Full PDB file with SEQRES, HELIX, SHEET, SSBOND, CRYST1, ORIGX, SCALE, CONECT and MASTER records, all heavy atoms in Angstrom:
SEQRES   1 A   34  ASP ALA ARG PHE ALA VAL VAL LEU PRO GLU GLU PRO ALA          
SEQRES   2 A   34  GLN VAL GLN VAL ASP LEU ALA ILE LYS LYS VAL LYS GLN          
SEQRES   3 A   34  GLY ASP PRO VAL ALA ALA GLY LEU                              
HELIX    1 AA1 GLU A   11  LYS A   25  1                                  15    
HELIX    2 AA2 PRO A   29  GLY A   33  1                                   5    
CRYST1    1.000    1.000    1.000  90.00  90.00  90.00 P 1           1          
ORIGX1      1.000000  0.000000  0.000000        0.00000                         
ORIGX2      0.000000  1.000000  0.000000        0.00000                         
ORIGX3      0.000000  0.000000  1.000000        0.00000                         
SCALE1      1.000000  0.000000  0.000000        0.00000                         
SCALE2      0.000000  1.000000  0.000000        0.00000                         
SCALE3      0.000000  0.000000  1.000000        0.00000                         
ATOM      1  N   ASP A   1      15.109 -15.585   7.947  1.00  0.00           N  
ATOM      2  CA  ASP A   1      16.429 -15.036   8.136  1.00  0.00           C  
ATOM      3  C   ASP A   1      16.796 -14.625   9.465  1.00  0.00           C  
ATOM      4  O   ASP A   1      17.998 -14.717   9.961  1.00  0.00           O  
ATOM      5  CB  ASP A   1      16.737 -13.813   7.107  1.00  0.00           C  
ATOM      6  CG  ASP A   1      16.765 -14.249   5.647  1.00  0.00           C  
ATOM      7  OD1 ASP A   1      16.828 -15.470   5.368  1.00  0.00           O  
ATOM      8  OD2 ASP A   1      16.690 -13.394   4.803  1.00  0.00           O  
ATOM      9  N   ALA A   2      15.760 -14.116  10.182  1.00  0.00           N  
ATOM     10  CA  ALA A   2      15.979 -13.726  11.561  1.00  0.00           C  
ATOM     11  C   ALA A   2      15.649 -14.977  12.516  1.00  0.00           C  
ATOM     12  O   ALA A   2      15.734 -14.778  13.748  1.00  0.00           O  
ATOM     13  CB  ALA A   2      15.053 -12.606  11.998  1.00  0.00           C  
ATOM     14  N   ARG A   3      15.455 -16.097  12.019  1.00  0.00           N  
ATOM     15  CA  ARG A   3      15.459 -17.408  12.706  1.00  0.00           C  
ATOM     16  C   ARG A   3      14.208 -17.392  13.626  1.00  0.00           C  
ATOM     17  O   ARG A   3      14.119 -17.990  14.711  1.00  0.00           O  
ATOM     18  CB  ARG A   3      16.697 -17.602  13.727  1.00  0.00           C  
ATOM     19  CG  ARG A   3      17.925 -17.881  12.908  1.00  0.00           C  
ATOM     20  CD  ARG A   3      19.134 -18.120  13.796  1.00  0.00           C  
ATOM     21  NE  ARG A   3      19.519 -16.796  14.353  1.00  0.00           N  
ATOM     22  CZ  ARG A   3      19.691 -16.759  15.714  1.00  0.00           C  
ATOM     23  NH1 ARG A   3      19.527 -17.778  16.581  1.00  0.00           N  
ATOM     24  NH2 ARG A   3      19.971 -15.556  16.300  1.00  0.00           N  
ATOM     25  N   PHE A   4      13.077 -16.896  12.973  1.00  0.00           N  
ATOM     26  CA  PHE A   4      11.796 -17.108  13.600  1.00  0.00           C  
ATOM     27  C   PHE A   4      10.990 -18.127  12.796  1.00  0.00           C  
ATOM     28  O   PHE A   4      10.959 -18.067  11.623  1.00  0.00           O  
ATOM     29  CB  PHE A   4      10.970 -15.653  13.478  1.00  0.00           C  
ATOM     30  CG  PHE A   4      11.366 -14.723  14.559  1.00  0.00           C  
ATOM     31  CD1 PHE A   4      12.276 -13.627  14.182  1.00  0.00           C  
ATOM     32  CD2 PHE A   4      10.807 -14.657  15.808  1.00  0.00           C  
ATOM     33  CE1 PHE A   4      12.589 -12.728  15.128  1.00  0.00           C  
ATOM     34  CE2 PHE A   4      11.176 -13.685  16.744  1.00  0.00           C  
ATOM     35  CZ  PHE A   4      12.058 -12.679  16.388  1.00  0.00           C  
ATOM     36  N   ALA A   5      10.362 -18.945  13.485  1.00  0.00           N  
ATOM     37  CA  ALA A   5       9.432 -19.834  12.951  1.00  0.00           C  
ATOM     38  C   ALA A   5       8.108 -19.010  12.586  1.00  0.00           C  
ATOM     39  O   ALA A   5       7.834 -18.027  13.058  1.00  0.00           O  
ATOM     40  CB  ALA A   5       9.001 -20.962  13.846  1.00  0.00           C  
ATOM     41  N   VAL A   6       7.474 -19.371  11.466  1.00  0.00           N  
ATOM     42  CA  VAL A   6       6.284 -18.676  10.973  1.00  0.00           C  
ATOM     43  C   VAL A   6       5.066 -19.615  10.890  1.00  0.00           C  
ATOM     44  O   VAL A   6       5.219 -20.679  10.451  1.00  0.00           O  
ATOM     45  CB  VAL A   6       6.556 -18.090   9.492  1.00  0.00           C  
ATOM     46  CG1 VAL A   6       5.469 -17.426   9.008  1.00  0.00           C  
ATOM     47  CG2 VAL A   6       7.833 -17.181   9.435  1.00  0.00           C  
ATOM     48  N   VAL A   7       4.048 -19.081  11.355  1.00  0.00           N  
ATOM     49  CA  VAL A   7       2.749 -19.760  11.345  1.00  0.00           C  
ATOM     50  C   VAL A   7       1.697 -18.977  10.418  1.00  0.00           C  
ATOM     51  O   VAL A   7       1.417 -17.852  10.655  1.00  0.00           O  
ATOM     52  CB  VAL A   7       2.077 -19.858  12.722  1.00  0.00           C  
ATOM     53  CG1 VAL A   7       0.733 -20.597  12.638  1.00  0.00           C  
ATOM     54  CG2 VAL A   7       2.994 -20.668  13.654  1.00  0.00           C  
ATOM     55  N   LEU A   8       1.302 -19.610   9.393  1.00  0.00           N  
ATOM     56  CA  LEU A   8       0.363 -19.138   8.264  1.00  0.00           C  
ATOM     57  C   LEU A   8      -0.980 -19.587   8.633  1.00  0.00           C  
ATOM     58  O   LEU A   8      -1.185 -20.759   9.072  1.00  0.00           O  
ATOM     59  CB  LEU A   8       0.912 -19.353   6.933  1.00  0.00           C  
ATOM     60  CG  LEU A   8       2.256 -18.824   6.507  1.00  0.00           C  
ATOM     61  CD1 LEU A   8       2.492 -19.245   5.102  1.00  0.00           C  
ATOM     62  CD2 LEU A   8       2.297 -17.289   6.685  1.00  0.00           C  
ATOM     63  N   PRO A   9      -2.067 -18.773   8.219  1.00  0.00           N  
ATOM     64  CA  PRO A   9      -3.429 -19.302   8.342  1.00  0.00           C  
ATOM     65  C   PRO A   9      -3.672 -20.503   7.514  1.00  0.00           C  
ATOM     66  O   PRO A   9      -3.264 -20.462   6.250  1.00  0.00           O  
ATOM     67  CB  PRO A   9      -4.157 -18.064   8.217  1.00  0.00           C  
ATOM     68  CG  PRO A   9      -3.377 -17.143   7.301  1.00  0.00           C  
ATOM     69  CD  PRO A   9      -1.993 -17.460   7.661  1.00  0.00           C  
ATOM     70  N   GLU A  10      -4.448 -21.331   7.957  1.00  0.00           N  
ATOM     71  CA  GLU A  10      -4.999 -22.441   6.995  1.00  0.00           C  
ATOM     72  C   GLU A  10      -6.203 -21.731   6.302  1.00  0.00           C  
ATOM     73  O   GLU A  10      -6.732 -20.762   6.697  1.00  0.00           O  
ATOM     74  CB  GLU A  10      -5.365 -23.664   7.940  1.00  0.00           C  
ATOM     75  CG  GLU A  10      -4.266 -24.200   8.511  1.00  0.00           C  
ATOM     76  CD  GLU A  10      -4.525 -25.488   9.386  1.00  0.00           C  
ATOM     77  OE1 GLU A  10      -5.799 -25.553   9.856  1.00  0.00           O  
ATOM     78  OE2 GLU A  10      -3.671 -26.301   9.708  1.00  0.00           O  
ATOM     79  N   GLU A  11      -6.659 -22.513   5.306  1.00  0.00           N  
ATOM     80  CA  GLU A  11      -7.636 -21.921   4.432  1.00  0.00           C  
ATOM     81  C   GLU A  11      -8.919 -21.374   5.111  1.00  0.00           C  
ATOM     82  O   GLU A  11      -9.343 -20.156   4.728  1.00  0.00           O  
ATOM     83  CB  GLU A  11      -8.033 -22.854   3.416  1.00  0.00           C  
ATOM     84  CG  GLU A  11      -9.072 -22.311   2.401  1.00  0.00           C  
ATOM     85  CD  GLU A  11      -8.604 -21.142   1.551  1.00  0.00           C  
ATOM     86  OE1 GLU A  11      -7.403 -20.800   1.479  1.00  0.00           O  
ATOM     87  OE2 GLU A  11      -9.467 -20.329   0.990  1.00  0.00           O  
ATOM     88  N   PRO A  12      -9.595 -21.969   6.063  1.00  0.00           N  
ATOM     89  CA  PRO A  12     -10.787 -21.493   6.750  1.00  0.00           C  
ATOM     90  C   PRO A  12     -10.459 -20.060   7.417  1.00  0.00           C  
ATOM     91  O   PRO A  12     -11.278 -19.188   7.333  1.00  0.00           O  
ATOM     92  CB  PRO A  12     -11.188 -22.555   7.669  1.00  0.00           C  
ATOM     93  CG  PRO A  12     -10.683 -23.797   6.980  1.00  0.00           C  
ATOM     94  CD  PRO A  12      -9.314 -23.465   6.510  1.00  0.00           C  
ATOM     95  N   ALA A  13      -9.356 -20.076   8.109  1.00  0.00           N  
ATOM     96  CA  ALA A  13      -8.866 -18.779   8.734  1.00  0.00           C  
ATOM     97  C   ALA A  13      -8.574 -17.722   7.774  1.00  0.00           C  
ATOM     98  O   ALA A  13      -9.012 -16.552   7.908  1.00  0.00           O  
ATOM     99  CB  ALA A  13      -7.682 -19.082   9.632  1.00  0.00           C  
ATOM    100  N   GLN A  14      -8.035 -18.087   6.551  1.00  0.00           N  
ATOM    101  CA  GLN A  14      -7.723 -17.050   5.514  1.00  0.00           C  
ATOM    102  C   GLN A  14      -8.941 -16.475   4.904  1.00  0.00           C  
ATOM    103  O   GLN A  14      -9.046 -15.361   4.659  1.00  0.00           O  
ATOM    104  CB  GLN A  14      -6.829 -17.620   4.389  1.00  0.00           C  
ATOM    105  CG  GLN A  14      -6.371 -16.652   3.438  1.00  0.00           C  
ATOM    106  CD  GLN A  14      -5.540 -15.612   3.949  1.00  0.00           C  
ATOM    107  OE1 GLN A  14      -4.619 -15.791   4.685  1.00  0.00           O  
ATOM    108  NE2 GLN A  14      -5.932 -14.343   3.663  1.00  0.00           N  
ATOM    109  N   VAL A  15     -10.031 -17.322   4.827  1.00  0.00           N  
ATOM    110  CA  VAL A  15     -11.326 -16.790   4.338  1.00  0.00           C  
ATOM    111  C   VAL A  15     -11.788 -15.788   5.309  1.00  0.00           C  
ATOM    112  O   VAL A  15     -12.330 -14.764   4.822  1.00  0.00           O  
ATOM    113  CB  VAL A  15     -12.252 -18.085   4.163  1.00  0.00           C  
ATOM    114  CG1 VAL A  15     -13.857 -17.481   4.065  1.00  0.00           C  
ATOM    115  CG2 VAL A  15     -11.886 -18.948   3.034  1.00  0.00           C  
ATOM    116  N   GLN A  16     -11.757 -16.045   6.550  1.00  0.00           N  
ATOM    117  CA  GLN A  16     -12.094 -14.987   7.634  1.00  0.00           C  
ATOM    118  C   GLN A  16     -11.239 -13.726   7.564  1.00  0.00           C  
ATOM    119  O   GLN A  16     -11.863 -12.603   7.709  1.00  0.00           O  
ATOM    120  CB  GLN A  16     -12.088 -15.628   9.055  1.00  0.00           C  
ATOM    121  CG  GLN A  16     -13.067 -16.846   9.293  1.00  0.00           C  
ATOM    122  CD  GLN A  16     -14.468 -16.412   9.019  1.00  0.00           C  
ATOM    123  OE1 GLN A  16     -14.874 -15.348   9.441  1.00  0.00           O  
ATOM    124  NE2 GLN A  16     -15.275 -17.325   8.421  1.00  0.00           N  
ATOM    125  N   VAL A  17     -10.037 -13.846   7.254  1.00  0.00           N  
ATOM    126  CA  VAL A  17      -9.261 -12.690   7.107  1.00  0.00           C  
ATOM    127  C   VAL A  17      -9.623 -11.754   5.823  1.00  0.00           C  
ATOM    128  O   VAL A  17      -9.789 -10.623   5.874  1.00  0.00           O  
ATOM    129  CB  VAL A  17      -7.757 -12.978   6.950  1.00  0.00           C  
ATOM    130  CG1 VAL A  17      -6.841 -11.831   6.599  1.00  0.00           C  
ATOM    131  CG2 VAL A  17      -7.191 -13.679   8.232  1.00  0.00           C  
ATOM    132  N   ASP A  18      -9.835 -12.591   4.759  1.00  0.00           N  
ATOM    133  CA  ASP A  18     -10.355 -11.911   3.566  1.00  0.00           C  
ATOM    134  C   ASP A  18     -11.598 -11.177   3.859  1.00  0.00           C  
ATOM    135  O   ASP A  18     -11.816 -10.053   3.377  1.00  0.00           O  
ATOM    136  CB  ASP A  18     -10.608 -13.002   2.472  1.00  0.00           C  
ATOM    137  CG  ASP A  18      -9.453 -13.734   1.937  1.00  0.00           C  
ATOM    138  OD1 ASP A  18      -8.317 -13.319   2.252  1.00  0.00           O  
ATOM    139  OD2 ASP A  18      -9.663 -14.770   1.387  1.00  0.00           O  
ATOM    140  N   LEU A  19     -12.504 -11.777   4.577  1.00  0.00           N  
ATOM    141  CA  LEU A  19     -13.814 -11.040   4.875  1.00  0.00           C  
ATOM    142  C   LEU A  19     -13.663  -9.901   5.841  1.00  0.00           C  
ATOM    143  O   LEU A  19     -14.272  -8.859   5.627  1.00  0.00           O  
ATOM    144  CB  LEU A  19     -14.819 -12.052   5.459  1.00  0.00           C  
ATOM    145  CG  LEU A  19     -15.341 -13.226   4.587  1.00  0.00           C  
ATOM    146  CD1 LEU A  19     -15.999 -14.256   5.368  1.00  0.00           C  
ATOM    147  CD2 LEU A  19     -16.164 -12.566   3.509  1.00  0.00           C  
ATOM    148  N   ALA A  20     -12.741 -10.027   6.756  1.00  0.00           N  
ATOM    149  CA  ALA A  20     -12.383  -8.882   7.699  1.00  0.00           C  
ATOM    150  C   ALA A  20     -11.972  -7.672   6.890  1.00  0.00           C  
ATOM    151  O   ALA A  20     -12.382  -6.604   7.134  1.00  0.00           O  
ATOM    152  CB  ALA A  20     -11.371  -9.301   8.655  1.00  0.00           C  
ATOM    153  N   ILE A  21     -10.962  -7.894   5.985  1.00  0.00           N  
ATOM    154  CA  ILE A  21     -10.429  -6.875   5.110  1.00  0.00           C  
ATOM    155  C   ILE A  21     -11.430  -6.261   4.310  1.00  0.00           C  
ATOM    156  O   ILE A  21     -11.731  -5.019   4.195  1.00  0.00           O  
ATOM    157  CB  ILE A  21      -9.255  -7.370   4.256  1.00  0.00           C  
ATOM    158  CG1 ILE A  21      -8.083  -7.919   5.063  1.00  0.00           C  
ATOM    159  CG2 ILE A  21      -8.882  -6.273   3.245  1.00  0.00           C  
ATOM    160  CD1 ILE A  21      -7.008  -8.620   4.413  1.00  0.00           C  
ATOM    161  N   LYS A  22     -12.390  -7.048   3.650  1.00  0.00           N  
ATOM    162  CA  LYS A  22     -13.489  -6.649   2.728  1.00  0.00           C  
ATOM    163  C   LYS A  22     -14.460  -5.719   3.564  1.00  0.00           C  
ATOM    164  O   LYS A  22     -14.850  -4.681   3.065  1.00  0.00           O  
ATOM    165  CB  LYS A  22     -14.090  -7.821   2.211  1.00  0.00           C  
ATOM    166  CG  LYS A  22     -15.306  -7.452   1.242  1.00  0.00           C  
ATOM    167  CD  LYS A  22     -15.993  -8.634   0.721  1.00  0.00           C  
ATOM    168  CE  LYS A  22     -17.110  -8.339  -0.256  1.00  0.00           C  
ATOM    169  NZ  LYS A  22     -17.688  -9.568  -0.845  1.00  0.00           N  
ATOM    170  N   LYS A  23     -14.784  -6.160   4.850  1.00  0.00           N  
ATOM    171  CA  LYS A  23     -15.703  -5.447   5.586  1.00  0.00           C  
ATOM    172  C   LYS A  23     -15.156  -4.102   6.083  1.00  0.00           C  
ATOM    173  O   LYS A  23     -15.931  -3.085   6.091  1.00  0.00           O  
ATOM    174  CB  LYS A  23     -16.157  -6.282   6.812  1.00  0.00           C  
ATOM    175  CG  LYS A  23     -17.004  -7.435   6.558  1.00  0.00           C  
ATOM    176  CD  LYS A  23     -18.396  -7.002   5.846  1.00  0.00           C  
ATOM    177  CE  LYS A  23     -19.251  -8.090   5.500  1.00  0.00           C  
ATOM    178  NZ  LYS A  23     -20.575  -7.706   4.843  1.00  0.00           N  
ATOM    179  N   VAL A  24     -13.820  -3.995   6.254  1.00  0.00           N  
ATOM    180  CA  VAL A  24     -13.253  -2.642   6.731  1.00  0.00           C  
ATOM    181  C   VAL A  24     -13.345  -1.758   5.477  1.00  0.00           C  
ATOM    182  O   VAL A  24     -13.802  -0.624   5.562  1.00  0.00           O  
ATOM    183  CB  VAL A  24     -11.822  -2.772   7.084  1.00  0.00           C  
ATOM    184  CG1 VAL A  24     -11.205  -1.402   7.141  1.00  0.00           C  
ATOM    185  CG2 VAL A  24     -11.732  -3.575   8.463  1.00  0.00           C  
ATOM    186  N   LYS A  25     -13.069  -2.295   4.256  1.00  0.00           N  
ATOM    187  CA  LYS A  25     -13.169  -1.465   3.118  1.00  0.00           C  
ATOM    188  C   LYS A  25     -14.581  -1.035   2.768  1.00  0.00           C  
ATOM    189  O   LYS A  25     -14.881  -0.018   2.149  1.00  0.00           O  
ATOM    190  CB  LYS A  25     -12.472  -2.143   1.893  1.00  0.00           C  
ATOM    191  CG  LYS A  25     -11.013  -2.296   1.927  1.00  0.00           C  
ATOM    192  CD  LYS A  25     -10.425  -3.140   0.830  1.00  0.00           C  
ATOM    193  CE  LYS A  25      -8.880  -3.219   0.928  1.00  0.00           C  
ATOM    194  NZ  LYS A  25      -8.157  -1.986   0.804  1.00  0.00           N  
ATOM    195  N   GLN A  26     -15.525  -1.778   3.180  1.00  0.00           N  
ATOM    196  CA  GLN A  26     -16.893  -1.430   2.937  1.00  0.00           C  
ATOM    197  C   GLN A  26     -17.557  -0.592   4.011  1.00  0.00           C  
ATOM    198  O   GLN A  26     -18.669  -0.285   4.061  1.00  0.00           O  
ATOM    199  CB  GLN A  26     -17.825  -2.832   2.948  1.00  0.00           C  
ATOM    200  CG  GLN A  26     -17.559  -3.637   1.618  1.00  0.00           C  
ATOM    201  CD  GLN A  26     -18.211  -4.898   1.566  1.00  0.00           C  
ATOM    202  OE1 GLN A  26     -18.739  -5.289   2.645  1.00  0.00           O  
ATOM    203  NE2 GLN A  26     -18.456  -5.520   0.412  1.00  0.00           N  
ATOM    204  N   GLY A  27     -16.734  -0.274   5.030  1.00  0.00           N  
ATOM    205  CA  GLY A  27     -17.139   0.573   6.141  1.00  0.00           C  
ATOM    206  C   GLY A  27     -17.796  -0.015   7.219  1.00  0.00           C  
ATOM    207  O   GLY A  27     -18.624   0.701   7.881  1.00  0.00           O  
ATOM    208  N   ASP A  28     -17.602  -1.280   7.437  1.00  0.00           N  
ATOM    209  CA  ASP A  28     -18.308  -2.118   8.528  1.00  0.00           C  
ATOM    210  C   ASP A  28     -17.230  -2.676   9.382  1.00  0.00           C  
ATOM    211  O   ASP A  28     -17.062  -3.998   9.449  1.00  0.00           O  
ATOM    212  CB  ASP A  28     -19.253  -3.121   7.933  1.00  0.00           C  
ATOM    213  CG  ASP A  28     -20.173  -3.827   8.901  1.00  0.00           C  
ATOM    214  OD1 ASP A  28     -19.872  -3.479  10.089  1.00  0.00           O  
ATOM    215  OD2 ASP A  28     -20.998  -4.565   8.428  1.00  0.00           O  
ATOM    216  N   PRO A  29     -16.602  -1.994  10.182  1.00  0.00           N  
ATOM    217  CA  PRO A  29     -15.545  -2.609  10.995  1.00  0.00           C  
ATOM    218  C   PRO A  29     -16.001  -3.519  12.076  1.00  0.00           C  
ATOM    219  O   PRO A  29     -15.234  -4.283  12.612  1.00  0.00           O  
ATOM    220  CB  PRO A  29     -14.858  -1.204  11.666  1.00  0.00           C  
ATOM    221  CG  PRO A  29     -15.807  -0.252  11.712  1.00  0.00           C  
ATOM    222  CD  PRO A  29     -16.754  -0.548  10.378  1.00  0.00           C  
ATOM    223  N   VAL A  30     -17.249  -3.269  12.534  1.00  0.00           N  
ATOM    224  CA  VAL A  30     -17.818  -4.221  13.599  1.00  0.00           C  
ATOM    225  C   VAL A  30     -17.868  -5.696  12.989  1.00  0.00           C  
ATOM    226  O   VAL A  30     -17.421  -6.640  13.682  1.00  0.00           O  
ATOM    227  CB  VAL A  30     -19.120  -3.789  14.041  1.00  0.00           C  
ATOM    228  CG1 VAL A  30     -19.812  -4.787  14.969  1.00  0.00           C  
ATOM    229  CG2 VAL A  30     -19.091  -2.351  14.696  1.00  0.00           C  
ATOM    230  N   ALA A  31     -18.417  -5.750  11.827  1.00  0.00           N  
ATOM    231  CA  ALA A  31     -18.377  -7.062  11.240  1.00  0.00           C  
ATOM    232  C   ALA A  31     -16.952  -7.607  10.992  1.00  0.00           C  
ATOM    233  O   ALA A  31     -16.717  -8.759  11.048  1.00  0.00           O  
ATOM    234  CB  ALA A  31     -19.242  -7.035   9.943  1.00  0.00           C  
ATOM    235  N   ALA A  32     -16.079  -6.732  10.599  1.00  0.00           N  
ATOM    236  CA  ALA A  32     -14.716  -7.094  10.354  1.00  0.00           C  
ATOM    237  C   ALA A  32     -14.186  -7.647  11.667  1.00  0.00           C  
ATOM    238  O   ALA A  32     -13.390  -8.604  11.480  1.00  0.00           O  
ATOM    239  CB  ALA A  32     -13.903  -5.859   9.906  1.00  0.00           C  
ATOM    240  N   GLY A  33     -14.470  -7.062  12.780  1.00  0.00           N  
ATOM    241  CA  GLY A  33     -13.874  -7.546  14.032  1.00  0.00           C  
ATOM    242  C   GLY A  33     -14.325  -9.001  14.243  1.00  0.00           C  
ATOM    243  O   GLY A  33     -13.507  -9.906  14.771  1.00  0.00           O  
ATOM    244  N   LEU A  34     -15.577  -9.271  14.036  1.00  0.00           N  
ATOM    245  CA  LEU A  34     -16.036 -10.678  14.180  1.00  0.00           C  
ATOM    246  C   LEU A  34     -15.302 -11.716  13.274  1.00  0.00           C  
ATOM    247  O   LEU A  34     -15.004 -12.769  13.814  1.00  0.00           O  
ATOM    248  CB  LEU A  34     -17.576 -10.726  13.827  1.00  0.00           C  
ATOM    249  CG  LEU A  34     -18.484  -9.942  14.850  1.00  0.00           C  
ATOM    250  CD1 LEU A  34     -19.912  -9.914  14.367  1.00  0.00           C  
ATOM    251  CD2 LEU A  34     -18.440 -10.503  16.290  1.00  0.00           C  
TER     252      LEU A  34                                                      
MASTER        0    0    0    2    0    0    0    6  251    1    0    3          
END                                                                             
């Protein structure tokens, strides 16, 4: 609506996002950063 194009992650990148979130919740932000 604000006329921005949007770039979404492809599946391999989304898997890495899922893992990053999981690692933060598990108390391992260093692994999450990787």
